[in-house]
Every structure is written in C-alpha cells, then in structure tokens.
Amino acid sequence: MMIDFNSFPENERYYSGNAGAKMGIFFQDENWFLKFGKSTRGFRNMDISYATSPLSEYIGSHIYEIIGVPVHKTLLGERDGKIVVACQDFRKQGDELIEFKNIKNAYVKGRDEISSGATYGDSVDLEDVLQTIRNNKTLQMIPGVEERFWDMFVVDALISNNDRNNGNWGILVHPDGSKELTPVYDNGNCLTNKKSNDQILKTLQNPEAMKDASYRLVFCTYSDKEKLINPMEYISNTPEAGCLDAIHRIVPRIDLSRINRMIDEIPEEYHGLEVMSPVRRQFYKELLQIRHEEVFLPVLEKSRVIDQSKETPARRKRQLKL
C-alpha cells in the first residue's frame, strides 16, 4: 500500500498547479510525479501544518476508479519525511496536454450572443462552460466530452472536490495528431483536506454539522450568474439532461462497501508519519454514506419516476446505453 519513494531519481520534468510542491521522478520505468501537502501556514483557523491533499488525491482518484471513470493512477508513500501521493504522468513521449481553459479561450463566432457575459478562458460560469463544450470544433471531434464533464460534476459532488476548474481537465494531442480526453486528474482538493482531526471530531459529534458538511454547506467551482453552485442542490433539482444522464450512469456504480474497503486499507501511519487518523477514516466513510443515502439515491429514484411518467429523449438515450 505505502511506498518509500526516497530512492527514486528525479526526472527533470516540471509540473504546474497551486495545490502544493511537485517532484517528477522515474518509477517503474515511467514518469511519475510526487505531490506534497500544501502548507497551511497563513490560513485562518488552521491548526494543522500541511493539508492532507496527498491522502485526498489518493482516495478521490480511487473512488473515480471504483466508479469506472478513467482516472490517473495514484500511489501513497513517503519522501523526505513527508507523506506524498505519486501520480502517473499520463503524457507519453510527444503528447501535448491542452487544458480546457485554453480551448475555452479560443474565438467562437457569435459567442457573445450564445452566452451573455462570457469571460473566456478562466470563466467558470456553467452556461459559458457548456456552450464551449457544445460549440468548440475541436471538442466536437472528440467523443464523450460533455458526458465526461457531467460525470466529473457528479463524482466531484460525491467526494466534495471543490476545485474542478478549467485548468485541471482537458485533452491530449498525440504526435500523429489524434486527440482524446485525458483521464481525470487533480483530485487533491476533495474530502475537506484542510480540516484537522479536532475539527473533524467536532463535526462528527454534531448531526447538524454533518448534514452541513455533507450537502447543505458545500460548493463547487462552477457558478450560475456569479453565484457559486451547491452541487447537491443542483443535481437534486436540475432539468439539465446531461446531468440527469450522468446521475443514471454514476449512481448505480457507487459501491460503498468497496470504497470503504479501500479507505480501510490505508494505514494509520507510515515511517512514524500520520497517514490517516481513525477519526478522519470514520468521517470520510460517514460523509460518503450520508451523501449516497440522502442525496444520490433519492435523486436517482426521483429521476426514474419522472422518466416513467414521461418518455423523454434523455430517457430513451439512457435505455439504449443500459
């Protein structure tokens, strides 16, 4: 489960992102990179020294894997006295990663009329993002882009990933010019990675605080008319066919028993370093169970009832997939 990464040489590749320091290494004859926890010094109300983002990256990515959405490979370990997560570099020789924000910044004729107030590359207005996905010529040539977007939206809601933005998903362009979606990556900002054990314990002991943490006071990066979206409220009430289709794809694949086994296999400590405390383990499992039982299953059942009462194109599409 845990790997000592201290003996593996650096590969002189460099990696961007704001979630913490990264180190490229050679591991198993391939390029990987280590993600270190980001220092929380300077953050208000923080009584831990480093965010548990390596642990969150590992768990969030493995939940994606269990559900069946393509995701990068991750391993937990230690380097230089710190818990790290190793992420396989999915770029092979000659591959170019194009982030969605760069695609979104491309000119589209009539875009200002399609989506009012579009702010291009960095805009996380949901309508603006969807219009880019549906109108960009490059994305139109790659199958499953909108489906992947909604799959990420739903799984990110399950794992409370509040940092899925235009800079951490995209496409790969291979040397022969062919293009494909990247696997899902950058899941380190899920599962309240900046909460200390004491803060988690207080939440666990308060049923109302658990509901707040599970679905009432949660937000994602995307916005609607400059207001941050609560993804739980959105998937509970949306008429958006793409999101409803994703609910029908994703929710039946949420295997809590398998997810819990994966969480239970993570050790409490490694080389004298805390990896996952008992209280954090309990919190993660209860958080996922509450979301599954009180949001995802009711949303799926509600959608099925609506489908049975009205034959819709979205329903016919889902039946064909099943």
Protein backbone atom coordinates (compact mmCIF):
# COMPACT_ATOMS: atom_id res chain seq x y z
CA MET A 1 0.00 0.00 0.00
CA MET A 2 2.64 2.56 1.05
CA ILE A 3 5.89 3.05 -0.90
CA ASP A 4 9.20 4.56 0.15
CA PHE A 5 9.96 6.94 -2.73
CA ASN A 6 13.27 8.25 -1.37
CA SER A 7 15.48 6.17 -3.65
CA PHE A 8 13.83 7.03 -6.97
CA PRO A 9 15.68 9.61 -9.12
CA GLU A 10 14.15 12.86 -10.27
CA ASN A 11 13.23 13.03 -13.96
CA GLU A 12 13.70 16.76 -14.62
CA ARG A 13 10.07 17.21 -15.60
CA TYR A 14 8.17 20.09 -14.04
CA TYR A 15 4.51 20.27 -13.12
CA SER A 16 2.21 23.24 -12.63
CA GLY A 17 -0.68 23.74 -10.22
CA ASN A 18 -1.32 25.51 -6.93
CA ALA A 19 -2.10 22.55 -4.66
CA GLY A 20 1.46 22.13 -3.36
CA ALA A 21 5.00 21.34 -4.45
CA LYS A 22 5.57 18.59 -7.03
CA MET A 23 8.60 16.47 -7.90
CA GLY A 24 8.97 14.46 -11.10
CA ILE A 25 10.54 11.02 -10.63
CA PHE A 26 11.31 7.83 -12.56
CA PHE A 27 9.26 4.97 -11.09
CA GLN A 28 8.67 1.54 -12.65
CA ASP A 29 10.46 2.76 -15.80
CA GLU A 30 7.88 5.52 -16.28
CA ASN A 31 7.49 9.19 -15.45
CA TRP A 32 5.54 9.88 -12.29
CA PHE A 33 5.37 12.92 -10.05
CA LEU A 34 5.03 13.30 -6.31
CA LYS A 35 2.56 15.76 -4.81
CA PHE A 36 3.39 17.13 -1.37
CA GLY A 37 0.83 18.54 1.02
CA LYS A 38 0.44 22.30 0.77
CA SER A 39 1.47 24.31 3.79
CA THR A 40 -1.48 25.84 5.65
CA ARG A 41 0.62 28.45 7.41
CA GLY A 42 -1.01 31.82 6.92
CA PHE A 43 -4.51 30.32 6.56
CA ARG A 44 -7.07 31.43 9.09
CA ASN A 45 -8.46 28.92 11.58
CA MET A 46 -5.92 26.27 10.60
CA ASP A 47 -4.36 24.14 13.32
CA ILE A 48 -2.55 21.71 11.02
CA SER A 49 0.77 22.40 9.31
CA TYR A 50 0.00 20.79 5.95
CA ALA A 51 -3.19 20.00 4.08
CA THR A 52 -3.92 16.30 3.70
CA SER A 53 -4.13 16.75 -0.08
CA PRO A 54 -1.94 13.69 -0.88
CA LEU A 55 -4.41 11.49 1.01
CA SER A 56 -7.37 13.23 -0.61
CA GLU A 57 -5.82 12.84 -4.08
CA TYR A 58 -5.39 9.13 -3.48
CA ILE A 59 -8.89 8.49 -2.11
CA GLY A 60 -10.67 10.74 -4.61
CA SER A 61 -8.84 9.17 -7.55
CA HIS A 62 -9.57 5.64 -6.34
CA ILE A 63 -13.26 6.46 -5.92
CA TYR A 64 -13.25 7.57 -9.56
CA GLU A 65 -11.57 4.26 -10.43
CA ILE A 66 -14.11 2.20 -8.46
CA ILE A 67 -16.99 4.02 -10.18
CA GLY A 68 -15.42 3.33 -13.56
CA VAL A 69 -14.47 6.80 -14.81
CA PRO A 70 -10.98 6.93 -16.43
CA VAL A 71 -8.57 8.46 -13.90
CA HIS A 72 -4.82 8.77 -13.44
CA LYS A 73 -3.00 6.14 -11.37
CA THR A 74 -2.03 7.13 -7.82
CA LEU A 75 0.03 5.57 -5.03
CA LEU A 76 0.63 6.71 -1.44
CA GLY A 77 4.10 6.89 0.05
CA GLU A 78 6.79 8.97 1.75
CA ARG A 79 9.58 11.20 0.51
CA ASP A 80 11.88 13.39 2.58
CA GLY A 81 9.90 12.79 5.75
CA LYS A 82 6.55 13.79 4.25
CA ILE A 83 3.51 11.81 3.13
CA VAL A 84 3.14 12.15 -0.63
CA VAL A 85 0.93 10.85 -3.39
CA ALA A 86 2.60 9.60 -6.57
CA CYS A 87 0.68 10.30 -9.77
CA GLN A 88 1.50 8.59 -13.06
CA ASP A 89 2.26 11.08 -15.83
CA PHE A 90 -0.26 10.08 -18.49
CA ARG A 91 1.60 12.07 -21.15
CA LYS A 92 3.66 9.76 -23.30
CA GLN A 93 6.58 10.89 -25.45
CA GLY A 94 5.45 13.71 -27.73
CA ASP A 95 1.99 14.12 -26.20
CA GLU A 96 0.68 17.64 -25.65
CA LEU A 97 -1.76 18.40 -22.85
CA ILE A 98 -4.23 21.15 -23.74
CA GLU A 99 -6.19 22.33 -20.73
CA PHE A 100 -9.83 23.21 -21.14
CA LYS A 101 -9.16 26.83 -20.19
CA ASN A 102 -7.01 27.25 -23.32
CA ILE A 103 -9.66 25.65 -25.52
CA LYS A 104 -12.28 27.86 -23.89
CA ASN A 105 -10.23 30.96 -24.62
CA ALA A 106 -10.38 30.28 -28.38
CA TYR A 107 -12.52 32.55 -30.53
CA VAL A 108 -16.00 31.28 -31.40
CA LYS A 109 -18.04 33.32 -33.86
CA GLY A 110 -21.16 34.68 -32.22
CA ARG A 111 -20.11 33.50 -28.77
CA ASP A 112 -21.15 36.72 -27.07
CA GLU A 113 -24.65 36.12 -28.37
CA ILE A 114 -24.62 32.46 -27.32
CA SER A 115 -23.63 33.17 -23.73
CA SER A 116 -24.09 36.62 -22.28
CA GLY A 117 -21.21 37.94 -20.23
CA ALA A 118 -18.75 35.26 -21.37
CA THR A 119 -15.32 35.85 -19.89
CA TYR A 120 -13.47 33.17 -21.83
CA GLY A 121 -10.62 31.03 -20.51
CA ASP A 122 -10.99 31.35 -16.76
CA SER A 123 -14.77 31.77 -16.62
CA VAL A 124 -16.45 29.08 -14.57
CA ASP A 125 -19.97 30.23 -15.37
CA LEU A 126 -21.73 26.92 -16.00
CA GLU A 127 -23.66 28.13 -19.04
CA ASP A 128 -20.49 29.53 -20.57
CA VAL A 129 -18.59 26.28 -19.95
CA LEU A 130 -21.36 24.18 -21.53
CA GLN A 131 -21.59 26.43 -24.57
CA THR A 132 -17.86 25.98 -25.14
CA ILE A 133 -18.15 22.21 -24.89
CA ARG A 134 -21.05 22.18 -27.34
CA ASN A 135 -19.65 24.65 -29.89
CA ASN A 136 -15.87 24.25 -29.99
CA LYS A 137 -14.89 22.47 -33.22
CA THR A 138 -12.00 20.54 -31.67
CA LEU A 139 -14.13 19.21 -28.82
CA GLN A 140 -16.89 18.25 -31.25
CA MET A 141 -14.45 15.82 -32.91
CA ILE A 142 -13.70 14.02 -29.61
CA PRO A 143 -16.42 11.63 -28.44
CA GLY A 144 -17.82 11.89 -24.93
CA VAL A 145 -16.62 15.34 -23.87
CA GLU A 146 -19.92 16.57 -22.41
CA GLU A 147 -20.55 13.17 -20.83
CA ARG A 148 -17.13 13.34 -19.15
CA PHE A 149 -17.85 16.85 -17.89
CA TRP A 150 -21.09 15.75 -16.22
CA ASP A 151 -19.53 12.54 -14.89
CA MET A 152 -16.88 14.69 -13.19
CA PHE A 153 -19.54 17.06 -11.90
CA VAL A 154 -21.44 14.20 -10.23
CA VAL A 155 -18.41 12.32 -8.85
CA ASP A 156 -16.82 15.57 -7.66
CA ALA A 157 -20.06 16.26 -5.77
CA LEU A 158 -19.79 12.84 -4.10
CA ILE A 159 -16.19 13.42 -2.99
CA SER A 160 -16.67 17.17 -2.37
CA ASN A 161 -13.99 18.23 -4.82
CA ASN A 162 -14.43 21.99 -4.79
CA ASP A 163 -11.63 22.77 -7.23
CA ARG A 164 -12.60 21.25 -10.57
CA ASN A 165 -11.80 24.24 -12.76
CA ASN A 166 -10.92 24.96 -16.38
CA GLY A 167 -7.25 24.28 -15.70
CA ASN A 168 -7.44 20.71 -14.43
CA TRP A 169 -9.11 18.78 -17.21
CA GLY A 170 -8.57 18.74 -20.94
CA ILE A 171 -7.40 16.76 -23.96
CA LEU A 172 -4.24 15.01 -25.11
CA VAL A 173 -2.90 15.62 -28.61
CA HIS A 174 -0.70 12.74 -29.76
CA PRO A 175 2.27 13.09 -32.16
CA ASP A 176 0.16 11.73 -35.04
CA GLY A 177 -2.41 14.50 -34.49
CA SER A 178 -5.07 12.29 -32.92
CA LYS A 179 -6.85 13.63 -29.84
CA GLU A 180 -8.52 12.16 -26.80
CA LEU A 181 -9.76 13.19 -23.37
CA THR A 182 -7.25 13.00 -20.56
CA PRO A 183 -8.04 10.72 -17.64
CA VAL A 184 -9.44 12.61 -14.66
CA TYR A 185 -6.67 14.16 -12.58
CA ASP A 186 -6.06 16.69 -9.81
CA ASN A 187 -8.44 15.44 -7.11
CA GLY A 188 -6.46 16.67 -4.12
CA ASN A 189 -8.94 19.32 -3.03
CA CYS A 190 -11.64 16.83 -2.06
CA LEU A 191 -12.76 15.48 1.31
CA THR A 192 -12.07 18.59 3.40
CA ASN A 193 -8.32 18.29 3.12
CA LYS A 194 -7.63 21.29 5.36
CA LYS A 195 -9.63 20.15 8.39
CA SER A 196 -7.70 18.97 11.43
CA ASN A 197 -8.58 15.86 13.41
CA ASP A 198 -10.05 18.02 16.19
CA GLN A 199 -12.27 19.90 13.73
CA ILE A 200 -13.40 16.64 12.16
CA LEU A 201 -14.23 15.16 15.56
CA LYS A 202 -16.42 18.16 16.44
CA THR A 203 -18.27 17.75 13.15
CA LEU A 204 -18.78 14.02 13.69
CA GLN A 205 -20.27 14.65 17.12
CA ASN A 206 -22.87 17.09 15.74
CA PRO A 207 -25.55 15.61 13.42
CA GLU A 208 -26.48 19.04 12.05
CA ALA A 209 -22.83 19.83 11.32
CA MET A 210 -22.57 16.51 9.48
CA LYS A 211 -25.53 17.47 7.29
CA ASP A 212 -23.90 20.85 6.64
CA ALA A 213 -20.65 19.16 5.67
CA SER A 214 -22.40 16.50 3.58
CA TYR A 215 -24.77 18.56 1.45
CA ARG A 216 -26.11 21.81 2.93
CA LEU A 217 -22.97 23.97 3.00
CA VAL A 218 -20.97 22.60 0.09
CA PHE A 219 -19.97 24.40 -3.09
CA CYS A 220 -18.12 23.68 -6.30
CA THR A 221 -16.08 25.97 -8.52
CA TYR A 222 -18.84 26.50 -11.07
CA SER A 223 -21.23 29.41 -10.79
CA ASP A 224 -24.64 30.47 -12.03
CA LYS A 225 -24.93 34.21 -12.59
CA GLU A 226 -21.85 34.76 -10.40
CA LYS A 227 -23.30 32.70 -7.54
CA LEU A 228 -21.36 29.60 -6.53
CA ILE A 229 -23.32 26.40 -7.15
CA ASN A 230 -24.13 23.94 -4.39
CA PRO A 231 -23.66 20.73 -6.44
CA MET A 232 -26.01 18.74 -4.20
CA GLU A 233 -28.83 21.22 -4.74
CA TYR A 234 -28.03 21.36 -8.44
CA ILE A 235 -28.20 17.62 -9.09
CA SER A 236 -31.32 17.39 -6.90
CA ASN A 237 -33.25 19.95 -8.93
CA THR A 238 -31.69 20.27 -12.37
CA PRO A 239 -33.66 19.70 -15.58
CA GLU A 240 -30.34 19.50 -17.48
CA ALA A 241 -30.45 16.27 -19.49
CA GLY A 242 -26.66 15.84 -19.46
CA CYS A 243 -26.54 15.94 -15.67
CA LEU A 244 -29.51 13.57 -15.36
CA ASP A 245 -27.83 11.13 -17.74
CA ALA A 246 -24.69 11.25 -15.59
CA ILE A 247 -26.73 10.51 -12.48
CA HIS A 248 -28.09 7.40 -14.18
CA ARG A 249 -24.57 6.37 -15.23
CA ILE A 250 -22.76 7.12 -11.98
CA VAL A 251 -25.07 6.46 -9.02
CA PRO A 252 -25.64 2.72 -9.71
CA ARG A 253 -21.85 2.28 -9.77
CA ILE A 254 -21.27 3.81 -6.32
CA ASP A 255 -20.18 0.74 -4.36
CA LEU A 256 -19.82 1.96 -0.79
CA SER A 257 -18.62 -1.38 0.53
CA ARG A 258 -15.74 -1.39 -1.98
CA ILE A 259 -14.98 2.28 -1.29
CA ASN A 260 -14.93 1.61 2.45
CA ARG A 261 -12.56 -1.34 1.98
CA MET A 262 -10.20 0.90 0.01
CA ILE A 263 -10.31 3.52 2.80
CA ASP A 264 -9.80 0.87 5.49
CA GLU A 265 -6.70 -0.47 3.70
CA ILE A 266 -4.91 2.87 4.17
CA PRO A 267 -2.64 2.59 7.22
CA GLU A 268 -2.87 4.89 10.21
CA GLU A 269 0.83 5.76 9.96
CA TYR A 270 3.94 5.04 7.90
CA HIS A 271 7.58 5.62 8.93
CA GLY A 272 6.27 7.36 12.05
CA LEU A 273 4.16 9.81 9.99
CA GLU A 274 0.39 10.04 10.31
CA VAL A 275 -1.36 8.92 7.13
CA MET A 276 -4.98 8.64 8.21
CA SER A 277 -6.24 9.02 11.75
CA PRO A 278 -9.16 6.84 12.97
CA VAL A 279 -11.39 9.90 13.27
CA ARG A 280 -10.64 11.01 9.70
CA ARG A 281 -11.31 7.48 8.44
CA GLN A 282 -14.69 7.42 10.20
CA PHE A 283 -15.55 10.92 8.97
CA TYR A 284 -14.85 10.10 5.32
CA LYS A 285 -16.94 6.95 5.40
CA GLU A 286 -19.88 8.62 7.14
CA LEU A 287 -19.71 11.64 4.83
CA LEU A 288 -19.90 9.44 1.73
CA GLN A 289 -22.70 7.33 3.22
CA ILE A 290 -24.84 10.38 4.06
CA ARG A 291 -24.40 11.81 0.57
CA HIS A 292 -25.20 8.47 -1.02
CA GLU A 293 -28.29 7.78 1.05
CA GLU A 294 -29.73 11.28 1.45
CA VAL A 295 -28.88 12.82 -1.93
CA PHE A 296 -27.72 10.46 -4.66
CA LEU A 297 -30.15 7.57 -4.21
CA PRO A 298 -33.20 9.87 -3.83
CA VAL A 299 -32.13 11.87 -6.90
CA LEU A 300 -31.80 8.68 -8.94
CA GLU A 301 -35.21 7.42 -7.79
CA LYS A 302 -36.82 10.81 -8.47
CA SER A 303 -35.36 10.83 -11.96
CA ARG A 304 -36.61 7.31 -12.63
CA VAL A 305 -40.14 8.25 -11.54
CA ILE A 306 -40.12 11.27 -13.85
CA ASP A 307 -38.83 9.11 -16.69
CA GLN A 308 -41.62 6.57 -16.19
CA SER A 309 -44.25 9.31 -16.33
CA LYS A 310 -42.89 10.92 -19.46
CA GLU A 311 -40.97 9.37 -22.34
CA THR A 312 -38.12 11.80 -22.94
CA PRO A 313 -35.19 11.80 -25.37
CA ALA A 314 -32.85 11.64 -22.37
CA ARG A 315 -34.65 8.53 -21.09
CA ARG A 316 -34.55 6.80 -24.46
CA LYS A 317 -30.84 7.61 -24.67
CA ARG A 318 -30.18 6.08 -21.25
CA GLN A 319 -32.16 2.94 -22.08
CA LEU A 320 -30.02 2.41 -25.17
CA LYS A 321 -26.85 2.73 -23.03
CA LEU A 322 -28.16 0.25 -20.47
